[in-house]
Amino acid sequence: MAHRDIHLELLLHRRVWAPSGESVGRIEEMVVNEKGESVEFHLGPEARLKRWMGKFFPQNAKPLRVPWDQIELTNPDRPRLRGGILLHQGTHR
């Protein structure tokens, strides 16, 4: 498979699709580690609120977190989850 660059900022607000064809949520935030490598995507309305509210984000609201390698990006206009992924909600690490 050929290497292809994807501009992550163009993925913001893209709807992510499950293998079943249903919408899982929109990409609202991308988390990177200290080396600048992508770690996970935060999806859905809770992630949007977290981005807007910053430190005022309610502790009990939990965005949907998806590891970066569990989203198929062969078509960046229509990102989709890889089959068999277990979605989890939780606070930002």
Foldseek 3Di string as FASTA:
>chain_A
DDDDDDDVVVQAQAFEAEPVGDTPFGFHDWDADPVRHTFWTFGDDLSNCCVVVPPNRDQVRWTKIGGPVQWDCPPSNYIYGDPPDDIDTDDDD
